[in-house]
C-alpha atoms as a PDB file:
ATOM      1  CA  MET A   1      17.502  30.292  14.283  1.00  0.00           C
ATOM      2  CA  ARG A   2      16.769  27.465  16.636  1.00  0.00           C
ATOM      3  CA  SER A   3      13.167  28.632  17.194  1.00  0.00           C
ATOM      4  CA  VAL A   4      12.543  28.565  13.424  1.00  0.00           C
ATOM      5  CA  GLY A   5      13.336  24.836  13.343  1.00  0.00           C
ATOM      6  CA  LEU A   6      11.176  24.217  16.386  1.00  0.00           C
ATOM      7  CA  ASN A   7       8.284  26.135  14.837  1.00  0.00           C
ATOM      8  CA  LEU A   8       8.655  24.098  11.657  1.00  0.00           C
ATOM      9  CA  VAL A   9       8.509  20.839  13.598  1.00  0.00           C
ATOM     10  CA  ILE A  10       5.499  21.967  15.617  1.00  0.00           C
ATOM     11  CA  GLY A  11       3.686  23.183  12.482  1.00  0.00           C
ATOM     12  CA  ALA A  12       4.434  19.958  10.632  1.00  0.00           C
ATOM     13  CA  GLY A  13       3.180  17.946  13.603  1.00  0.00           C
ATOM     14  CA  ILE A  14      -0.094  19.861  13.797  1.00  0.00           C
ATOM     15  CA  THR A  15      -0.587  19.541  10.026  1.00  0.00           C
ATOM     16  CA  ALA A  16       0.135  15.816  10.119  1.00  0.00           C
ATOM     17  CA  PHE A  17      -2.319  15.383  12.988  1.00  0.00           C
ATOM     18  CA  PHE A  18      -5.146  17.013  11.040  1.00  0.00           C
ATOM     19  CA  VAL A  19      -4.314  15.090   7.852  1.00  0.00           C
ATOM     20  CA  VAL A  20      -4.474  11.815   9.790  1.00  0.00           C
ATOM     21  CA  LEU A  21      -7.691  13.000  11.451  1.00  0.00           C
ATOM     22  CA  ALA A  22      -9.216  13.717   8.026  1.00  0.00           C
ATOM     23  CA  PHE A  23      -8.261  10.279   6.700  1.00  0.00           C
ATOM     24  CA  VAL A  24      -9.634   8.534   9.800  1.00  0.00           C
ATOM     25  CA  SER A  25     -12.909  10.453   9.489  1.00  0.00           C
ATOM     26  CA  MET A  26     -13.458   8.940   6.037  1.00  0.00           C
ATOM     27  CA  VAL A  27     -14.050   5.548   7.670  1.00  0.00           C
ATOM     28  CA  TRP A  28     -14.987   6.371  11.277  1.00  0.00           C
ATOM     29  CA  THR A  29     -16.371   9.206  13.374  1.00  0.00           C
ATOM     30  CA  PRO A  30     -17.588   8.815  16.949  1.00  0.00           C
ATOM     31  CA  TYR A  31     -21.056  10.204  16.104  1.00  0.00           C
ATOM     32  CA  ASP A  32     -23.020  11.072  12.987  1.00  0.00           C
ATOM     33  CA  ILE A  33     -22.767  14.841  12.486  1.00  0.00           C
ATOM     34  CA  THR A  34     -26.133  15.064  10.713  1.00  0.00           C
ATOM     35  CA  VAL A  35     -28.123  13.733  13.666  1.00  0.00           C
ATOM     36  CA  LEU A  36     -29.410  16.366  16.081  1.00  0.00           C
ATOM     37  CA  SER A  37     -29.802  15.404  19.727  1.00  0.00           C
ATOM     38  CA  VAL A  38     -31.418  18.277  21.584  1.00  0.00           C
ATOM     39  CA  ALA A  39     -31.335  16.277  24.805  1.00  0.00           C
ATOM     40  CA  ASP A  40     -27.501  16.253  24.622  1.00  0.00           C
ATOM     41  CA  ARG A  41     -27.064  19.942  23.759  1.00  0.00           C
ATOM     42  CA  LEU A  42     -24.255  21.980  25.317  1.00  0.00           C
ATOM     43  CA  GLN A  43     -22.761  19.034  27.193  1.00  0.00           C
ATOM     44  CA  PRO A  44     -19.310  19.617  28.708  1.00  0.00           C
ATOM     45  CA  PRO A  45     -16.380  17.398  27.715  1.00  0.00           C
ATOM     46  CA  SER A  46     -16.800  13.851  28.974  1.00  0.00           C
ATOM     47  CA  GLY A  47     -15.954  10.276  28.125  1.00  0.00           C
ATOM     48  CA  ALA A  48     -18.856  10.114  25.673  1.00  0.00           C
ATOM     49  CA  HIS A  49     -18.183  13.500  24.029  1.00  0.00           C
ATOM     50  CA  TRP A  50     -14.460  14.309  24.263  1.00  0.00           C
ATOM     51  CA  LEU A  51     -14.896  18.020  23.462  1.00  0.00           C
ATOM     52  CA  GLY A  52     -18.560  18.273  24.414  1.00  0.00           C
ATOM     53  CA  THR A  53     -21.524  19.063  22.192  1.00  0.00           C
ATOM     54  CA  ASP A  54     -22.817  22.164  20.437  1.00  0.00           C
ATOM     55  CA  HIS A  55     -26.199  23.884  20.809  1.00  0.00           C
ATOM     56  CA  PHE A  56     -27.819  21.255  18.558  1.00  0.00           C
ATOM     57  CA  GLY A  57     -26.367  18.303  20.478  1.00  0.00           C
ATOM     58  CA  ARG A  58     -23.826  17.374  17.781  1.00  0.00           C
ATOM     59  CA  ASP A  59     -20.476  15.978  18.879  1.00  0.00           C
ATOM     60  CA  ILE A  60     -17.656  18.539  18.481  1.00  0.00           C
ATOM     61  CA  VAL A  61     -14.929  15.924  17.815  1.00  0.00           C
ATOM     62  CA  SER A  62     -16.953  14.395  14.982  1.00  0.00           C
ATOM     63  CA  MET A  63     -17.520  17.814  13.446  1.00  0.00           C
ATOM     64  CA  LEU A  64     -13.786  18.642  13.680  1.00  0.00           C
ATOM     65  CA  MET A  65     -12.905  15.354  11.994  1.00  0.00           C
ATOM     66  CA  VAL A  66     -15.256  15.919   9.071  1.00  0.00           C
ATOM     67  CA  GLY A  67     -14.353  19.613   8.860  1.00  0.00           C
ATOM     68  CA  ALA A  68     -10.681  18.687   8.475  1.00  0.00           C
ATOM     69  CA  GLN A  69     -11.543  16.976   5.177  1.00  0.00           C
ATOM     70  CA  THR A  70     -13.129  20.146   3.829  1.00  0.00           C
ATOM     71  CA  SER A  71     -10.289  22.375   5.007  1.00  0.00           C
ATOM     72  CA  ILE A  72      -7.619  20.185   3.440  1.00  0.00           C
ATOM     73  CA  ALA A  73      -9.547  19.942   0.161  1.00  0.00           C
ATOM     74  CA  VAL A  74      -9.920  23.737  -0.032  1.00  0.00           C
ATOM     75  CA  ALA A  75      -6.230  24.233   0.757  1.00  0.00           C
ATOM     76  CA  LEU A  76      -5.135  21.767  -1.933  1.00  0.00           C
ATOM     77  CA  ILE A  77      -7.397  23.365  -4.537  1.00  0.00           C
ATOM     78  CA  ALA A  78      -6.141  26.855  -3.653  1.00  0.00           C
ATOM     79  CA  VAL A  79      -2.497  25.776  -3.928  1.00  0.00           C
ATOM     80  CA  GLY A  80      -3.236  23.959  -7.193  1.00  0.00           C
ATOM     81  CA  VAL A  81      -4.866  27.029  -8.724  1.00  0.00           C
ATOM     82  CA  GLY A  82      -1.988  29.186  -7.498  1.00  0.00           C
ATOM     83  CA  VAL A  83       0.557  26.848  -9.082  1.00  0.00           C
ATOM     84  CA  LEU A  84      -1.377  26.500 -12.354  1.00  0.00           C
ATOM     85  CA  VAL A  85      -1.731  30.284 -12.694  1.00  0.00           C
ATOM     86  CA  GLY A  86       1.369  31.554 -10.899  1.00  0.00           C
ATOM     87  CA  VAL A  87       4.024  29.348 -12.485  1.00  0.00           C
ATOM     88  CA  PRO A  88       3.102  30.186 -16.109  1.00  0.00           C
ATOM     89  CA  LEU A  89       2.836  33.889 -15.260  1.00  0.00           C
ATOM     90  CA  GLY A  90       6.207  33.792 -13.525  1.00  0.00           C
ATOM     91  CA  LEU A  91       7.812  31.998 -16.450  1.00  0.00           C
ATOM     92  CA  PHE A  92       6.292  34.488 -18.882  1.00  0.00           C
ATOM     93  CA  ALA A  93       7.517  37.433 -16.793  1.00  0.00           C
ATOM     94  CA  ALA A  94      11.062  36.040 -16.655  1.00  0.00           C
END
């Protein structure tokens, strides 16, 4: 039982991290994700690019930050649809 509590804490911590990351990305990202920089393509992690760059020269950290917004929005919509459909069906079945 102890590992269940630990897993819950770890999962909540990871979720909170990405929620904070998504909120921060609304006002700041290290680099613009729409700008391609072929000269900086496939760079390893460094002080300038914390997780490196992709094959188009885009910063990986910036893309993760903006992608967190999309992932959280999709998750909230999916849960909302599930609640709006599932709760009435469950009440009707009971």
